[in-house]
Amino acid sequence: MKQSSPSILRLLAIYYLAQGFLLTAVGVAGLILVDQNQLLIIRQWLSVIRLDPDNRVIHWLLTKFLPVTNQMLETFSVGSFVYGGLAFVQGGGLFFSKPWASYLTVIVVGSFIPWEVYSLQDEVTPLKLLTLGINVVIVGYLLMSVWRGRGSRRTIGQEEMATSGKPHVHWKPPS
């Protein structure tokens, strides 16, 4: 049987490793903002990356998400670190083609699908549909990959037992 493409697994691995780095950076940023004037620091960060804090969209985002309490920042940071660590584990396992990584990714990504479907009840947006579609494709691909991998791991003896009911021993005496 055909095995899954290592290049697709590598792409998924790179995606999850990048996600782990980003989530870790978000967690660090959240901890930096604890006990600080969050609005002032965010305005400084925006100016460093050359974004106008008075931009209409950025202003809307800042007023929507600020002010936050220190407890909210700490909780958000811990969640980012935990999910970032999980993404690192997934990415590393997929990169090295470990079978458990496919199972883990199916469980983690598959657990979000019901929430994504539920969120579509409130409002259907292209981003929500895209996210749901990508996650369904990832879970489907990995399930097919695991299924194919299980079928290809049968040994010759197992195949013979499955077809004839008794094993055949192929032994040649040394010459």
Protein backbone atom coordinates (compact mmCIF):
# COMPACT_ATOMS: atom_id res chain seq x y z
CA MET A 1 0.00 0.00 0.00
CA LYS A 2 1.08 3.55 -0.62
CA GLN A 3 2.48 5.42 2.37
CA SER A 4 1.62 9.02 3.10
CA SER A 5 3.75 11.68 1.48
CA PRO A 6 6.65 12.71 3.71
CA SER A 7 6.59 16.18 2.14
CA ILE A 8 3.01 16.77 3.32
CA LEU A 9 3.92 15.59 6.81
CA ARG A 10 6.94 17.93 6.74
CA LEU A 11 4.71 20.86 5.73
CA LEU A 12 2.35 20.07 8.59
CA ALA A 13 5.35 19.77 10.91
CA ILE A 14 6.67 23.17 9.84
CA TYR A 15 3.20 24.67 10.32
CA TYR A 16 2.92 23.30 13.86
CA LEU A 17 6.49 24.30 14.76
CA ALA A 18 5.79 27.85 13.52
CA GLN A 19 2.55 27.84 15.49
CA GLY A 20 4.50 26.79 18.59
CA PHE A 21 6.97 29.66 18.16
CA LEU A 22 4.18 32.20 17.64
CA LEU A 23 2.18 30.98 20.63
CA THR A 24 5.28 31.07 22.81
CA ALA A 25 5.99 34.64 21.65
CA VAL A 26 2.39 35.62 22.44
CA GLY A 27 2.75 34.08 25.89
CA VAL A 28 5.96 36.01 26.54
CA ALA A 29 4.34 39.22 25.30
CA GLY A 30 1.42 38.65 27.66
CA LEU A 31 3.76 38.23 30.60
CA ILE A 32 5.64 41.39 29.65
CA LEU A 33 2.36 43.31 29.79
CA VAL A 34 1.57 42.17 33.35
CA ASP A 35 1.79 45.09 35.79
CA GLN A 36 2.47 47.54 32.95
CA ASN A 37 0.56 50.25 31.17
CA GLN A 38 -0.62 47.94 28.41
CA LEU A 39 -1.86 50.65 26.07
CA LEU A 40 1.44 52.55 26.20
CA ILE A 41 3.53 49.42 25.59
CA ILE A 42 1.32 48.26 22.71
CA ARG A 43 1.54 51.71 21.12
CA GLN A 44 5.34 51.48 21.39
CA TRP A 45 5.34 48.02 19.81
CA LEU A 46 3.12 49.27 17.00
CA SER A 47 5.48 52.16 16.29
CA VAL A 48 8.47 49.78 16.25
CA ILE A 49 6.81 47.66 13.54
CA ARG A 50 5.74 50.89 11.79
CA LEU A 51 1.99 50.58 12.28
CA ASP A 52 -0.05 53.67 13.06
CA PRO A 53 -1.77 53.22 16.45
CA ASP A 54 -4.35 55.80 15.36
CA ASN A 55 -5.34 53.68 12.36
CA ARG A 56 -9.09 53.00 12.40
CA VAL A 57 -8.74 49.20 12.46
CA ILE A 58 -5.93 49.16 15.03
CA HIS A 59 -7.80 51.67 17.19
CA TRP A 60 -10.91 49.43 17.03
CA LEU A 61 -8.82 46.38 18.05
CA LEU A 62 -7.23 48.24 20.94
CA THR A 63 -10.56 49.49 22.28
CA LYS A 64 -12.10 46.05 21.79
CA PHE A 65 -9.42 44.10 23.68
CA LEU A 66 -8.12 46.66 26.20
CA PRO A 67 -8.22 47.09 29.11
CA VAL A 68 -7.39 43.62 30.35
CA THR A 69 -6.56 42.64 33.89
CA ASN A 70 -3.27 41.12 34.99
CA GLN A 71 -5.10 37.88 35.82
CA MET A 72 -6.47 37.75 32.27
CA LEU A 73 -2.97 38.29 30.85
CA GLU A 74 -1.46 35.60 33.06
CA THR A 75 -4.19 33.10 32.16
CA PHE A 76 -3.86 33.91 28.47
CA SER A 77 -0.06 33.52 28.68
CA VAL A 78 -0.27 30.15 30.41
CA GLY A 79 -2.75 28.94 27.79
CA SER A 80 -0.45 30.16 25.01
CA PHE A 81 2.53 28.36 26.55
CA VAL A 82 0.60 25.10 27.00
CA TYR A 83 -0.86 25.11 23.49
CA GLY A 84 2.50 26.27 22.08
CA GLY A 85 4.23 23.35 23.80
CA LEU A 86 1.64 20.98 22.37
CA ALA A 87 2.23 22.45 18.90
CA PHE A 88 6.00 21.90 19.32
CA VAL A 89 5.38 18.26 20.27
CA GLN A 90 3.06 17.78 17.27
CA GLY A 91 5.47 19.49 14.89
CA GLY A 92 8.51 17.59 16.12
CA GLY A 93 6.74 14.26 15.97
CA LEU A 94 5.39 14.90 12.47
CA PHE A 95 8.77 16.15 11.29
CA PHE A 96 10.41 12.89 12.35
CA SER A 97 7.44 10.85 11.02
CA LYS A 98 6.52 9.39 14.39
CA PRO A 99 3.20 7.49 14.26
CA TRP A 100 2.08 8.84 17.64
CA ALA A 101 2.30 12.38 16.27
CA SER A 102 -0.38 11.64 13.69
CA TYR A 103 -2.64 10.26 16.41
CA LEU A 104 -1.97 13.26 18.65
CA THR A 105 -2.64 15.73 15.84
CA VAL A 106 -5.87 13.98 14.88
CA ILE A 107 -7.04 14.13 18.50
CA VAL A 108 -6.04 17.77 19.05
CA VAL A 109 -7.24 19.16 15.72
CA GLY A 110 -10.30 16.92 15.68
CA SER A 111 -11.31 18.18 19.12
CA PHE A 112 -11.66 21.70 17.72
CA ILE A 113 -13.98 20.73 14.86
CA PRO A 114 -17.18 20.52 16.99
CA TRP A 115 -16.42 23.97 18.45
CA GLU A 116 -15.86 25.38 14.98
CA VAL A 117 -19.15 23.93 13.74
CA TYR A 118 -20.90 25.31 16.83
CA SER A 119 -19.43 28.78 16.23
CA LEU A 120 -20.92 28.75 12.72
CA GLN A 121 -24.38 28.87 14.33
CA ASP A 122 -23.71 32.42 15.53
CA GLU A 123 -22.18 33.79 12.36
CA VAL A 124 -20.86 32.25 9.16
CA THR A 125 -17.74 34.01 7.93
CA PRO A 126 -15.23 33.05 5.25
CA LEU A 127 -12.48 32.80 7.89
CA LYS A 128 -14.51 30.37 10.02
CA LEU A 129 -15.33 28.26 6.98
CA LEU A 130 -11.68 28.26 5.86
CA THR A 131 -10.49 27.25 9.34
CA LEU A 132 -13.03 24.46 9.54
CA GLY A 133 -12.16 23.25 6.04
CA ILE A 134 -8.41 23.22 6.71
CA ASN A 135 -8.85 21.33 9.98
CA VAL A 136 -11.15 18.76 8.35
CA VAL A 137 -8.60 18.23 5.56
CA ILE A 138 -5.74 17.84 8.07
CA VAL A 139 -7.68 15.34 10.19
CA GLY A 140 -8.85 13.44 7.09
CA TYR A 141 -5.35 13.26 5.62
CA LEU A 142 -3.78 12.08 8.87
CA LEU A 143 -6.53 9.49 9.45
CA MET A 144 -5.97 8.12 5.94
CA SER A 145 -2.23 8.15 6.56
CA VAL A 146 -2.62 6.23 9.83
CA TRP A 147 -5.05 3.80 8.22
CA ARG A 148 -2.68 3.12 5.32
CA GLY A 149 0.26 2.79 7.68
CA ARG A 150 -1.54 0.17 9.75
CA GLY A 151 -2.36 -1.88 6.67
CA SER A 152 1.18 -1.76 5.32
CA ARG A 153 2.73 -2.97 8.58
CA ARG A 154 1.41 -6.50 8.13
CA THR A 155 4.21 -8.95 7.69
CA ILE A 156 4.38 -11.70 5.10
CA GLY A 157 3.53 -14.26 7.77
CA GLN A 158 0.47 -12.28 8.85
CA GLU A 159 -0.69 -12.06 5.24
CA GLU A 160 -0.34 -15.82 4.81
CA MET A 161 -2.15 -16.48 8.09
CA ALA A 162 -4.96 -14.16 6.99
CA THR A 163 -5.35 -15.94 3.64
CA SER A 164 -4.68 -19.61 4.43
CA GLY A 165 -5.16 -19.82 8.17
CA LYS A 166 -1.72 -21.34 8.85
CA PRO A 167 1.75 -19.85 8.63
CA HIS A 168 4.29 -20.95 6.05
CA VAL A 169 7.90 -20.94 7.07
CA HIS A 170 10.28 -20.09 4.27
CA TRP A 171 13.60 -21.43 5.43
CA LYS A 172 16.65 -22.10 3.37
CA PRO A 173 19.57 -23.95 4.84
CA PRO A 174 22.84 -22.02 4.75
CA SER A 175 25.01 -22.99 1.84
